[in-house]
Amino acid sequence: MTTTFAEPPAEAVARDPHWAAKMARLRARRLPERTVSILDDQDLKQRVTDAALDLAKARTSALGRASAMEVPADQRETWAEAQPDVLAAQSALDEARRALEAGTLKLTFRALPRPAWEQLLREHAPTEEQADLGHEYNVEAFPAALIASSSVDGMSEADAQELLDNWSDADAKALFTAALLVNQTMRADLGKG
């Protein structure tokens, strides 16, 4: 499909001498993206929570010591942050966060251009029964096709269908919802400017 751009009316250009710059910015807009994070090891998440709690306790203890040692009030935060137990707790939290990040799988989805979205809907039209129920697409085939089409990571339709079939209902819905929302979330403010 070839896209052609028409020149704006002369009166519009006269009213807005920056039209070309506006159009350039509009044409350069990137399609929105949405990332879904998948974490199978809940211990990693718990370690971050525990480490954050330990850091809070260490800071509270250090602030108490600062007060007892009569560190001036305006210097107590800085003094407490430099204490060995606070530094160790911060280091443990940083390490727990790195482990959590390494253990988290991220899938990224990018919105489809409108013509591709409409073509995907046509290719996966609802069955007569699904249409009677008000569905816009075939609820059996469309989710995997959308996930694959929107995947920045290169997920195939077969891989998407495998995940949808083998994951829990909640996880499968989260995967499909990420691909669906990135294609249906409006980024334009249509209110009064």
N, C-alpha and C. Protein backbone atom coordinates (compact mmCIF):
# COMPACT_ATOMS: atom_id res chain seq x y z
N MET A 1 0.85 -1.17 0.00
CA MET A 1 0.00 0.00 0.00
C MET A 1 0.89 1.24 0.00
N THR A 2 0.66 2.13 -0.91
CA THR A 2 1.44 3.35 -1.02
C THR A 2 0.69 4.47 -0.31
N THR A 3 1.43 5.19 0.51
CA THR A 3 0.85 6.32 1.22
C THR A 3 1.31 7.59 0.53
N THR A 4 0.37 8.45 0.22
CA THR A 4 0.72 9.74 -0.36
C THR A 4 0.30 10.83 0.60
N PHE A 5 1.07 11.87 0.62
CA PHE A 5 0.79 12.98 1.51
C PHE A 5 0.38 14.19 0.67
N ALA A 6 -0.78 14.73 0.95
CA ALA A 6 -1.27 15.91 0.23
C ALA A 6 -0.75 17.15 0.92
N GLU A 7 -0.46 18.15 0.12
CA GLU A 7 -0.04 19.42 0.69
C GLU A 7 -1.24 20.07 1.37
N PRO A 8 -1.01 20.73 2.49
CA PRO A 8 -2.12 21.39 3.17
C PRO A 8 -2.61 22.59 2.37
N PRO A 9 -3.83 22.99 2.60
CA PRO A 9 -4.36 24.17 1.90
C PRO A 9 -3.50 25.40 2.20
N ALA A 10 -3.38 26.26 1.22
CA ALA A 10 -2.54 27.46 1.35
C ALA A 10 -2.96 28.30 2.54
N GLU A 11 -4.29 28.41 2.77
CA GLU A 11 -4.74 29.23 3.90
C GLU A 11 -4.32 28.61 5.23
N ALA A 12 -4.24 27.29 5.31
CA ALA A 12 -3.78 26.65 6.54
C ALA A 12 -2.30 26.95 6.76
N VAL A 13 -1.53 26.92 5.68
CA VAL A 13 -0.11 27.22 5.79
C VAL A 13 0.09 28.68 6.20
N ALA A 14 -0.73 29.56 5.63
CA ALA A 14 -0.62 30.98 5.98
C ALA A 14 -0.94 31.22 7.45
N ARG A 15 -1.95 30.49 7.97
CA ARG A 15 -2.31 30.64 9.39
C ARG A 15 -1.24 30.02 10.29
N ASP A 16 -0.57 28.99 9.79
CA ASP A 16 0.39 28.28 10.62
C ASP A 16 1.69 28.09 9.84
N PRO A 17 2.61 29.03 9.95
CA PRO A 17 3.85 28.92 9.18
C PRO A 17 4.72 27.73 9.60
N HIS A 18 4.36 27.08 10.66
CA HIS A 18 5.16 25.95 11.14
C HIS A 18 4.56 24.61 10.74
N TRP A 19 3.65 24.64 9.75
CA TRP A 19 2.95 23.41 9.36
C TRP A 19 3.91 22.29 8.95
N ALA A 20 4.89 22.60 8.15
CA ALA A 20 5.84 21.58 7.69
C ALA A 20 6.55 20.93 8.88
N ALA A 21 6.92 21.75 9.86
CA ALA A 21 7.58 21.21 11.05
C ALA A 21 6.63 20.32 11.85
N LYS A 22 5.37 20.76 11.93
CA LYS A 22 4.38 19.94 12.64
C LYS A 22 4.20 18.60 11.95
N MET A 23 4.06 18.63 10.63
CA MET A 23 3.87 17.38 9.89
C MET A 23 5.09 16.48 10.02
N ALA A 24 6.26 17.07 10.02
CA ALA A 24 7.48 16.26 10.18
C ALA A 24 7.47 15.56 11.53
N ARG A 25 7.07 16.28 12.55
CA ARG A 25 6.98 15.66 13.89
C ARG A 25 5.91 14.58 13.93
N LEU A 26 4.77 14.85 13.31
CA LEU A 26 3.70 13.85 13.30
C LEU A 26 4.13 12.60 12.54
N ARG A 27 4.81 12.78 11.43
CA ARG A 27 5.27 11.63 10.65
C ARG A 27 6.35 10.85 11.39
N ALA A 28 7.12 11.51 12.22
CA ALA A 28 8.23 10.86 12.92
C ALA A 28 7.80 10.15 14.22
N ARG A 29 6.55 10.32 14.60
CA ARG A 29 6.09 9.67 15.84
C ARG A 29 6.29 8.18 15.74
N ARG A 30 6.77 7.62 16.82
CA ARG A 30 6.94 6.17 16.89
C ARG A 30 5.64 5.55 17.37
N LEU A 31 5.40 4.36 16.90
CA LEU A 31 4.23 3.63 17.39
C LEU A 31 4.45 3.29 18.86
N PRO A 32 3.38 3.30 19.65
CA PRO A 32 3.55 3.02 21.07
C PRO A 32 4.01 1.58 21.32
N GLU A 33 4.69 1.40 22.43
CA GLU A 33 5.14 0.07 22.85
C GLU A 33 4.70 -0.19 24.27
N ARG A 34 4.55 -1.46 24.58
CA ARG A 34 4.17 -1.89 25.93
C ARG A 34 4.98 -3.14 26.24
N THR A 35 5.51 -3.21 27.44
CA THR A 35 6.31 -4.36 27.86
C THR A 35 5.58 -5.10 28.97
N VAL A 36 5.60 -6.41 28.87
CA VAL A 36 5.06 -7.24 29.92
C VAL A 36 6.24 -7.99 30.55
N SER A 37 6.31 -7.98 31.87
CA SER A 37 7.40 -8.65 32.59
C SER A 37 6.89 -9.96 33.17
N ILE A 38 7.69 -10.99 33.00
CA ILE A 38 7.31 -12.32 33.46
C ILE A 38 8.38 -12.80 34.43
N LEU A 39 7.95 -13.13 35.62
CA LEU A 39 8.86 -13.58 36.67
C LEU A 39 8.33 -14.89 37.23
N ASP A 40 9.12 -15.94 37.08
CA ASP A 40 8.72 -17.24 37.61
C ASP A 40 9.26 -17.50 39.00
N ASP A 41 10.34 -16.84 39.38
CA ASP A 41 10.98 -17.08 40.67
C ASP A 41 10.55 -16.00 41.67
N GLN A 42 9.51 -16.28 42.41
CA GLN A 42 9.00 -15.31 43.38
C GLN A 42 9.99 -15.04 44.51
N ASP A 43 10.95 -15.95 44.71
CA ASP A 43 11.99 -15.72 45.72
C ASP A 43 12.81 -14.48 45.40
N LEU A 44 13.02 -14.24 44.12
CA LEU A 44 13.78 -13.05 43.72
C LEU A 44 13.05 -11.79 44.14
N LYS A 45 11.75 -11.78 43.96
CA LYS A 45 10.94 -10.63 44.36
C LYS A 45 10.96 -10.47 45.89
N GLN A 46 10.88 -11.59 46.60
CA GLN A 46 10.90 -11.56 48.06
C GLN A 46 12.24 -11.06 48.58
N ARG A 47 13.33 -11.45 47.90
CA ARG A 47 14.65 -10.97 48.32
C ARG A 47 14.76 -9.46 48.22
N VAL A 48 14.17 -8.87 47.18
CA VAL A 48 14.18 -7.41 47.04
C VAL A 48 13.38 -6.78 48.18
N THR A 49 12.22 -7.35 48.46
CA THR A 49 11.39 -6.83 49.55
C THR A 49 12.13 -6.91 50.88
N ASP A 50 12.74 -8.06 51.16
CA ASP A 50 13.48 -8.24 52.41
C ASP A 50 14.67 -7.29 52.50
N ALA A 51 15.39 -7.14 51.39
CA ALA A 51 16.56 -6.26 51.38
C ALA A 51 16.14 -4.81 51.57
N ALA A 52 15.02 -4.41 51.00
CA ALA A 52 14.53 -3.03 51.17
C ALA A 52 14.14 -2.80 52.63
N LEU A 53 13.54 -3.79 53.24
CA LEU A 53 13.19 -3.69 54.65
C LEU A 53 14.45 -3.60 55.52
N ASP A 54 15.45 -4.42 55.21
CA ASP A 54 16.71 -4.37 55.96
C ASP A 54 17.38 -3.00 55.83
N LEU A 55 17.31 -2.43 54.63
CA LEU A 55 17.89 -1.09 54.42
C LEU A 55 17.14 -0.05 55.25
N ALA A 56 15.84 -0.13 55.27
CA ALA A 56 15.05 0.82 56.06
C ALA A 56 15.40 0.70 57.54
N LYS A 57 15.55 -0.52 58.02
CA LYS A 57 15.93 -0.73 59.43
C LYS A 57 17.32 -0.17 59.71
N ALA A 58 18.26 -0.42 58.80
CA ALA A 58 19.63 0.08 58.99
C ALA A 58 19.65 1.60 59.01
N ARG A 59 18.88 2.23 58.12
CA ARG A 59 18.82 3.70 58.11
C ARG A 59 18.23 4.24 59.41
N THR A 60 17.15 3.62 59.85
CA THR A 60 16.50 4.05 61.09
C THR A 60 17.46 3.93 62.27
N SER A 61 18.17 2.81 62.32
CA SER A 61 19.15 2.59 63.39
C SER A 61 20.27 3.63 63.31
N ALA A 62 20.76 3.89 62.11
CA ALA A 62 21.84 4.86 61.95
C ALA A 62 21.39 6.26 62.33
N LEU A 63 20.15 6.62 61.97
CA LEU A 63 19.63 7.93 62.35
C LEU A 63 19.51 8.05 63.86
N GLY A 64 19.13 6.95 64.51
CA GLY A 64 19.06 6.95 65.98
C GLY A 64 20.44 7.15 66.58
N ARG A 65 21.44 6.49 66.02
CA ARG A 65 22.81 6.65 66.52
C ARG A 65 23.31 8.08 66.27
N ALA A 66 22.94 8.65 65.12
CA ALA A 66 23.35 10.01 64.80
C ALA A 66 22.80 10.98 65.83
N SER A 67 21.55 10.77 66.19
CA SER A 67 20.93 11.63 67.20
C SER A 67 21.64 11.47 68.54
N ALA A 68 21.90 10.20 68.91
CA ALA A 68 22.56 9.94 70.19
C ALA A 68 23.98 10.50 70.20
N MET A 69 24.62 10.53 69.05
CA MET A 69 25.99 11.06 68.96
C MET A 69 25.99 12.57 68.72
N GLU A 70 24.81 13.16 68.76
CA GLU A 70 24.65 14.59 68.60
C GLU A 70 25.19 15.13 67.27
N VAL A 71 24.99 14.32 66.21
CA VAL A 71 25.31 14.80 64.86
C VAL A 71 24.28 15.89 64.56
N PRO A 72 24.71 17.04 64.04
CA PRO A 72 23.76 18.11 63.75
C PRO A 72 22.61 17.60 62.87
N ALA A 73 21.42 18.08 63.13
CA ALA A 73 20.20 17.59 62.47
C ALA A 73 20.30 17.69 60.94
N ASP A 74 20.91 18.75 60.44
CA ASP A 74 20.99 18.92 58.99
C ASP A 74 22.04 18.01 58.34
N GLN A 75 22.82 17.28 59.15
CA GLN A 75 23.85 16.38 58.62
C GLN A 75 23.53 14.90 58.88
N ARG A 76 22.45 14.63 59.61
CA ARG A 76 22.17 13.26 60.02
C ARG A 76 21.91 12.31 58.85
N GLU A 77 21.16 12.75 57.85
CA GLU A 77 20.86 11.88 56.69
C GLU A 77 22.15 11.47 55.99
N THR A 78 23.01 12.46 55.74
CA THR A 78 24.28 12.19 55.06
C THR A 78 25.15 11.27 55.91
N TRP A 79 25.19 11.54 57.21
CA TRP A 79 25.99 10.72 58.13
C TRP A 79 25.46 9.28 58.14
N ALA A 80 24.14 9.14 58.23
CA ALA A 80 23.53 7.80 58.29
C ALA A 80 23.81 7.02 57.00
N GLU A 81 23.72 7.68 55.86
CA GLU A 81 23.94 7.00 54.57
C GLU A 81 25.37 6.48 54.44
N ALA A 82 26.32 7.07 55.17
CA ALA A 82 27.73 6.67 55.09
C ALA A 82 28.10 5.58 56.08
N GLN A 83 27.17 5.17 56.93
CA GLN A 83 27.48 4.15 57.93
C GLN A 83 27.64 2.78 57.29
N PRO A 84 28.59 1.96 57.79
CA PRO A 84 28.86 0.65 57.19
C PRO A 84 27.63 -0.26 57.09
N ASP A 85 26.78 -0.26 58.12
CA ASP A 85 25.61 -1.14 58.06
C ASP A 85 24.61 -0.68 57.00
N VAL A 86 24.50 0.64 56.81
CA VAL A 86 23.61 1.18 55.78
C VAL A 86 24.20 0.90 54.40
N LEU A 87 25.49 1.10 54.24
CA LEU A 87 26.14 0.82 52.96
C LEU A 87 26.01 -0.66 52.60
N ALA A 88 26.18 -1.54 53.58
CA ALA A 88 26.04 -2.98 53.32
C ALA A 88 24.61 -3.33 52.94
N ALA A 89 23.64 -2.72 53.62
CA ALA A 89 22.23 -2.99 53.31
C ALA A 89 21.88 -2.46 51.92
N GLN A 90 22.41 -1.29 51.57
CA GLN A 90 22.17 -0.74 50.23
C GLN A 90 22.78 -1.64 49.16
N SER A 91 23.97 -2.15 49.44
CA SER A 91 24.63 -3.05 48.50
C SER A 91 23.82 -4.34 48.32
N ALA A 92 23.29 -4.88 49.43
CA ALA A 92 22.47 -6.09 49.35
C ALA A 92 21.20 -5.83 48.54
N LEU A 93 20.59 -4.67 48.72
CA LEU A 93 19.40 -4.32 47.96
C LEU A 93 19.74 -4.18 46.47
N ASP A 94 20.84 -3.52 46.16
CA ASP A 94 21.25 -3.38 44.77
C ASP A 94 21.47 -4.74 44.12
N GLU A 95 22.10 -5.64 44.84
CA GLU A 95 22.36 -6.99 44.32
C GLU A 95 21.04 -7.74 44.12
N ALA A 96 20.13 -7.63 45.07
CA ALA A 96 18.82 -8.30 44.94
C ALA A 96 18.06 -7.75 43.74
N ARG A 97 18.14 -6.45 43.51
CA ARG A 97 17.47 -5.84 42.35
C ARG A 97 18.10 -6.33 41.04
N ARG A 98 19.43 -6.45 41.01
CA ARG A 98 20.09 -6.96 39.80
C ARG A 98 19.66 -8.41 39.54
N ALA A 99 19.58 -9.22 40.58
CA ALA A 99 19.15 -10.60 40.41
C ALA A 99 17.70 -10.67 39.92
N LEU A 100 16.85 -9.80 40.45
CA LEU A 100 15.46 -9.75 40.01
C LEU A 100 15.39 -9.35 38.54
N GLU A 101 16.16 -8.35 38.16
CA GLU A 101 16.18 -7.90 36.77
C GLU A 101 16.65 -9.03 35.85
N ALA A 102 17.69 -9.74 36.26
CA ALA A 102 18.21 -10.84 35.45
C ALA A 102 17.22 -12.00 35.35
N GLY A 103 16.42 -12.18 36.38
CA GLY A 103 15.46 -13.28 36.40
C GLY A 103 14.11 -12.95 35.79
N THR A 104 13.94 -11.71 35.35
CA THR A 104 12.67 -11.28 34.77
C THR A 104 12.77 -11.29 33.26
N LEU A 105 11.84 -11.99 32.64
CA LEU A 105 11.77 -12.03 31.18
C LEU A 105 10.82 -10.93 30.73
N LYS A 106 11.25 -10.16 29.74
CA LYS A 106 10.42 -9.05 29.26
C LYS A 106 10.06 -9.29 27.80
N LEU A 107 8.80 -9.13 27.50
CA LEU A 107 8.30 -9.20 26.13
C LEU A 107 7.74 -7.83 25.77
N THR A 108 8.13 -7.33 24.62
CA THR A 108 7.70 -6.00 24.20
C THR A 108 6.80 -6.10 22.98
N PHE A 109 5.74 -5.31 23.01
CA PHE A 109 4.78 -5.27 21.91
C PHE A 109 4.68 -3.85 21.39
N ARG A 110 4.59 -3.73 20.06
CA ARG A 110 4.48 -2.43 19.41
C ARG A 110 3.15 -2.39 18.65
N ALA A 111 2.48 -1.27 18.73
CA ALA A 111 1.21 -1.11 18.02
C ALA A 111 1.42 -1.28 16.52
N LEU A 112 0.42 -1.83 15.89
CA LEU A 112 0.45 -2.00 14.44
C LEU A 112 -0.06 -0.72 13.77
N PRO A 113 0.46 -0.40 12.60
CA PRO A 113 -0.14 0.70 11.85
C PRO A 113 -1.61 0.35 11.56
N ARG A 114 -2.47 1.35 11.48
CA ARG A 114 -3.90 1.11 11.31
C ARG A 114 -4.24 0.15 10.18
N PRO A 115 -3.65 0.28 8.98
CA PRO A 115 -4.00 -0.67 7.91
C PRO A 115 -3.66 -2.13 8.28
N ALA A 116 -2.54 -2.33 8.96
CA ALA A 116 -2.16 -3.69 9.37
C ALA A 116 -3.13 -4.21 10.42
N TRP A 117 -3.55 -3.36 11.36
CA TRP A 117 -4.53 -3.73 12.38
C TRP A 117 -5.83 -4.16 11.73
N GLU A 118 -6.31 -3.35 10.79
CA GLU A 118 -7.57 -3.66 10.12
C GLU A 118 -7.47 -4.94 9.30
N GLN A 119 -6.33 -5.17 8.65
CA GLN A 119 -6.13 -6.40 7.89
C GLN A 119 -6.14 -7.61 8.81
N LEU A 120 -5.51 -7.49 9.97
CA LEU A 120 -5.49 -8.59 10.94
C LEU A 120 -6.91 -8.91 11.42
N LEU A 121 -7.69 -7.87 11.65
CA LEU A 121 -9.09 -8.09 12.05
C LEU A 121 -9.88 -8.78 10.94
N ARG A 122 -9.64 -8.37 9.70
CA ARG A 122 -10.34 -9.02 8.57
C ARG A 122 -9.93 -10.49 8.45
N GLU A 123 -8.65 -10.75 8.62
CA GLU A 123 -8.15 -12.12 8.49
C GLU A 123 -8.64 -13.03 9.62
N HIS A 124 -9.04 -12.43 10.74
CA HIS A 124 -9.48 -13.21 11.90
C HIS A 124 -10.86 -12.74 12.34
N ALA A 125 -11.73 -12.66 11.37
CA ALA A 125 -13.11 -12.22 11.64
C ALA A 125 -13.79 -13.23 12.57
N PRO A 126 -14.73 -12.76 13.38
CA PRO A 126 -15.43 -13.67 14.29
C PRO A 126 -16.31 -14.65 13.52
N THR A 127 -16.50 -15.81 14.14
CA THR A 127 -17.47 -16.74 13.57
C THR A 127 -18.85 -16.11 13.73
N GLU A 128 -19.83 -16.68 13.07
CA GLU A 128 -21.18 -16.13 13.18
C GLU A 128 -21.64 -16.13 14.63
N GLU A 129 -21.35 -17.20 15.33
CA GLU A 129 -21.74 -17.30 16.74
C GLU A 129 -21.01 -16.25 17.58
N GLN A 130 -19.72 -16.06 17.32
CA GLN A 130 -18.94 -15.05 18.06
C GLN A 130 -19.45 -13.65 17.75
N ALA A 131 -19.79 -13.41 16.49
CA ALA A 131 -20.33 -12.10 16.11
C ALA A 131 -21.65 -11.84 16.82
N ASP A 132 -22.47 -12.88 16.95
CA ASP A 132 -23.75 -12.74 17.66
C ASP A 132 -23.52 -12.37 19.13
N LEU A 133 -22.37 -12.80 19.67
CA LEU A 133 -22.04 -12.47 21.06
C LEU A 133 -21.36 -11.10 21.17
N GLY A 134 -21.16 -10.43 20.03
CA GLY A 134 -20.59 -9.09 20.03
C GLY A 134 -19.08 -9.04 19.89
N HIS A 135 -18.45 -10.16 19.54
CA HIS A 135 -16.99 -10.16 19.40
C HIS A 135 -16.58 -9.49 18.10
N GLU A 136 -15.48 -8.77 18.15
CA GLU A 136 -14.95 -8.04 17.01
C GLU A 136 -14.02 -8.91 16.17
N TYR A 137 -13.54 -10.01 16.76
CA TYR A 137 -12.58 -10.88 16.11
C TYR A 137 -12.83 -12.32 16.55
N ASN A 138 -12.16 -13.25 15.87
CA ASN A 138 -12.26 -14.66 16.21
C ASN A 138 -11.46 -14.89 17.50
N VAL A 139 -12.15 -15.21 18.55
CA VAL A 139 -11.51 -15.30 19.86
C VAL A 139 -10.54 -16.48 19.97
N GLU A 140 -10.63 -17.42 19.04
CA GLU A 140 -9.71 -18.56 19.06
C GLU A 140 -8.41 -18.25 18.32
N ALA A 141 -8.49 -17.57 17.19
CA ALA A 141 -7.32 -17.38 16.33
C ALA A 141 -6.66 -16.01 16.47
N PHE A 142 -7.43 -14.98 16.76
CA PHE A 142 -6.91 -13.62 16.77
C PHE A 142 -5.85 -13.37 17.85
N PRO A 143 -6.03 -13.85 19.08
CA PRO A 143 -5.03 -13.51 20.10
C PRO A 143 -3.59 -13.89 19.72
N ALA A 144 -3.37 -15.10 19.24
CA ALA A 144 -2.01 -15.51 18.86
C ALA A 144 -1.50 -14.69 17.68
N ALA A 145 -2.38 -14.42 16.73
CA ALA A 145 -1.98 -13.63 15.56
C ALA A 145 -1.60 -12.21 15.98
N LEU A 146 -2.36 -11.62 16.87
CA LEU A 146 -2.06 -10.26 17.33
C LEU A 146 -0.75 -10.24 18.12
N ILE A 147 -0.58 -11.20 19.01
CA ILE A 147 0.65 -11.26 19.80
C ILE A 147 1.86 -11.35 18.87
N ALA A 148 1.79 -12.26 17.89
CA ALA A 148 2.91 -12.43 16.96
C ALA A 148 3.12 -11.17 16.11
N SER A 149 2.06 -10.58 15.62
CA SER A 149 2.17 -9.39 14.77
C SER A 149 2.71 -8.19 15.52
N SER A 150 2.40 -8.09 16.80
CA SER A 150 2.82 -6.95 17.61
C SER A 150 4.14 -7.17 18.33
N SER A 151 4.64 -8.40 18.33
CA SER A 151 5.85 -8.73 19.08
C SER A 151 7.07 -8.04 18.50
N VAL A 152 7.77 -7.29 19.31
CA VAL A 152 9.03 -6.68 18.93
C VAL A 152 10.14 -7.73 18.98
N ASP A 153 9.93 -8.75 19.80
CA ASP A 153 10.93 -9.78 20.02
C ASP A 153 10.95 -10.85 18.93
N GLY A 154 9.97 -10.82 18.02
CA GLY A 154 9.95 -11.79 16.94
C GLY A 154 9.23 -13.09 17.26
N MET A 155 8.30 -13.04 18.20
CA MET A 155 7.55 -14.24 18.54
C MET A 155 6.68 -14.67 17.36
N SER A 156 6.71 -15.95 17.05
CA SER A 156 5.89 -16.47 15.96
C SER A 156 4.47 -16.71 16.45
N GLU A 157 3.56 -16.85 15.51
CA GLU A 157 2.17 -17.13 15.85
C GLU A 157 2.05 -18.49 16.54
N ALA A 158 2.85 -19.46 16.08
CA ALA A 158 2.84 -20.80 16.71
C ALA A 158 3.34 -20.72 18.15
N ASP A 159 4.40 -19.94 18.38
CA ASP A 159 4.91 -19.78 19.75
C ASP A 159 3.87 -19.09 20.63
N ALA A 160 3.23 -18.07 20.09
CA ALA A 160 2.21 -17.35 20.85
C ALA A 160 1.06 -18.29 21.20
N GLN A 161 0.63 -19.10 20.24
CA GLN A 161 -0.47 -20.02 20.51
C GLN A 161 -0.07 -21.06 21.55
N GLU A 162 1.17 -21.51 21.48
CA GLU A 162 1.66 -22.48 22.48
C GLU A 162 1.59 -21.89 23.89
N LEU A 163 2.04 -20.64 24.03
CA LEU A 163 1.98 -20.00 25.35
C LEU A 163 0.54 -19.81 25.81
N LEU A 164 -0.31 -19.36 24.91
CA LEU A 164 -1.72 -19.16 25.27
C LEU A 164 -2.37 -20.47 25.69
N ASP A 165 -1.99 -21.57 25.05
CA ASP A 165 -2.57 -22.88 25.36
C ASP A 165 -2.02 -23.48 26.65
N ASN A 166 -0.75 -23.18 26.96
CA ASN A 166 -0.10 -23.87 28.08
C ASN A 166 0.03 -23.06 29.35
N TRP A 167 -0.13 -21.76 29.26
CA TRP A 167 -0.04 -20.93 30.45
C TRP A 167 -1.37 -20.92 31.19
N SER A 168 -1.32 -20.45 32.42
CA SER A 168 -2.56 -20.28 33.18
C SER A 168 -3.42 -19.24 32.48
N ASP A 169 -4.70 -19.25 32.79
CA ASP A 169 -5.62 -18.29 32.19
C ASP A 169 -5.17 -16.86 32.47
N ALA A 170 -4.76 -16.58 33.70
CA ALA A 170 -4.35 -15.22 34.07
C ALA A 170 -3.11 -14.79 33.28
N ASP A 171 -2.12 -15.68 33.16
CA ASP A 171 -0.90 -15.33 32.43
C ASP A 171 -1.17 -15.17 30.94
N ALA A 172 -2.00 -16.06 30.38
CA ALA A 172 -2.35 -15.96 28.97
C ALA A 172 -3.09 -14.66 28.69
N LYS A 173 -4.00 -14.28 29.59
CA LYS A 173 -4.73 -13.02 29.41
C LYS A 173 -3.78 -11.82 29.51
N ALA A 174 -2.81 -11.89 30.41
CA ALA A 174 -1.84 -10.79 30.54
C ALA A 174 -1.04 -10.62 29.26
N LEU A 175 -0.66 -11.73 28.64
CA LEU A 175 0.09 -11.69 27.39
C LEU A 175 -0.75 -11.06 26.28
N PHE A 176 -1.96 -11.55 26.12
CA PHE A 176 -2.84 -11.02 25.08
C PHE A 176 -3.21 -9.57 25.36
N THR A 177 -3.47 -9.24 26.60
CA THR A 177 -3.86 -7.88 26.97
C THR A 177 -2.75 -6.89 26.64
N ALA A 178 -1.50 -7.27 26.87
CA ALA A 178 -0.38 -6.37 26.54
C ALA A 178 -0.37 -6.05 25.05
N ALA A 179 -0.58 -7.08 24.21
CA ALA A 179 -0.60 -6.85 22.76
C ALA A 179 -1.84 -6.07 22.34
N LEU A 180 -2.96 -6.33 22.98
CA LEU A 180 -4.20 -5.65 22.63
C LEU A 180 -4.16 -4.18 23.05
N LEU A 181 -3.73 -3.92 24.27
CA LEU A 181 -3.74 -2.55 24.79
C LEU A 181 -2.82 -1.62 24.01
N VAL A 182 -1.68 -2.12 23.60
CA VAL A 182 -0.76 -1.26 22.86
C VAL A 182 -1.39 -0.83 21.53
N ASN A 183 -2.30 -1.63 21.02
CA ASN A 183 -2.98 -1.30 19.77
C ASN A 183 -4.26 -0.51 19.97
N GLN A 184 -4.74 -0.41 21.19
CA GLN A 184 -6.01 0.26 21.42
C GLN A 184 -5.94 1.42 22.40
N THR A 185 -4.77 1.76 22.89
CA THR A 185 -4.64 2.88 23.80
C THR A 185 -4.35 4.15 23.02
N MET A 186 -5.18 5.14 23.20
CA MET A 186 -5.04 6.40 22.48
C MET A 186 -4.00 7.28 23.16
N ARG A 187 -3.13 7.86 22.36
CA ARG A 187 -2.12 8.76 22.88
C ARG A 187 -2.41 10.21 22.58
N ALA A 188 -3.48 10.47 21.88
CA ALA A 188 -3.81 11.84 21.52
C ALA A 188 -4.80 12.42 22.53
N ASP A 189 -4.58 13.65 22.88
CA ASP A 189 -5.52 14.35 23.77
C ASP A 189 -6.49 15.11 22.89
N LEU A 190 -7.75 14.70 22.92
CA LEU A 190 -8.73 15.30 22.04
C LEU A 190 -9.51 16.43 22.71
N GLY A 191 -9.05 16.84 23.87
CA GLY A 191 -9.73 17.94 24.57
C GLY A 191 -9.36 19.28 23.97
N LYS A 192 -9.86 20.31 24.60
CA LYS A 192 -9.57 21.68 24.14
C LYS A 192 -8.12 22.00 24.46
N GLY A 193 -7.45 22.63 23.53
CA GLY A 193 -6.04 22.93 23.69
C GLY A 193 -5.87 24.24 24.28
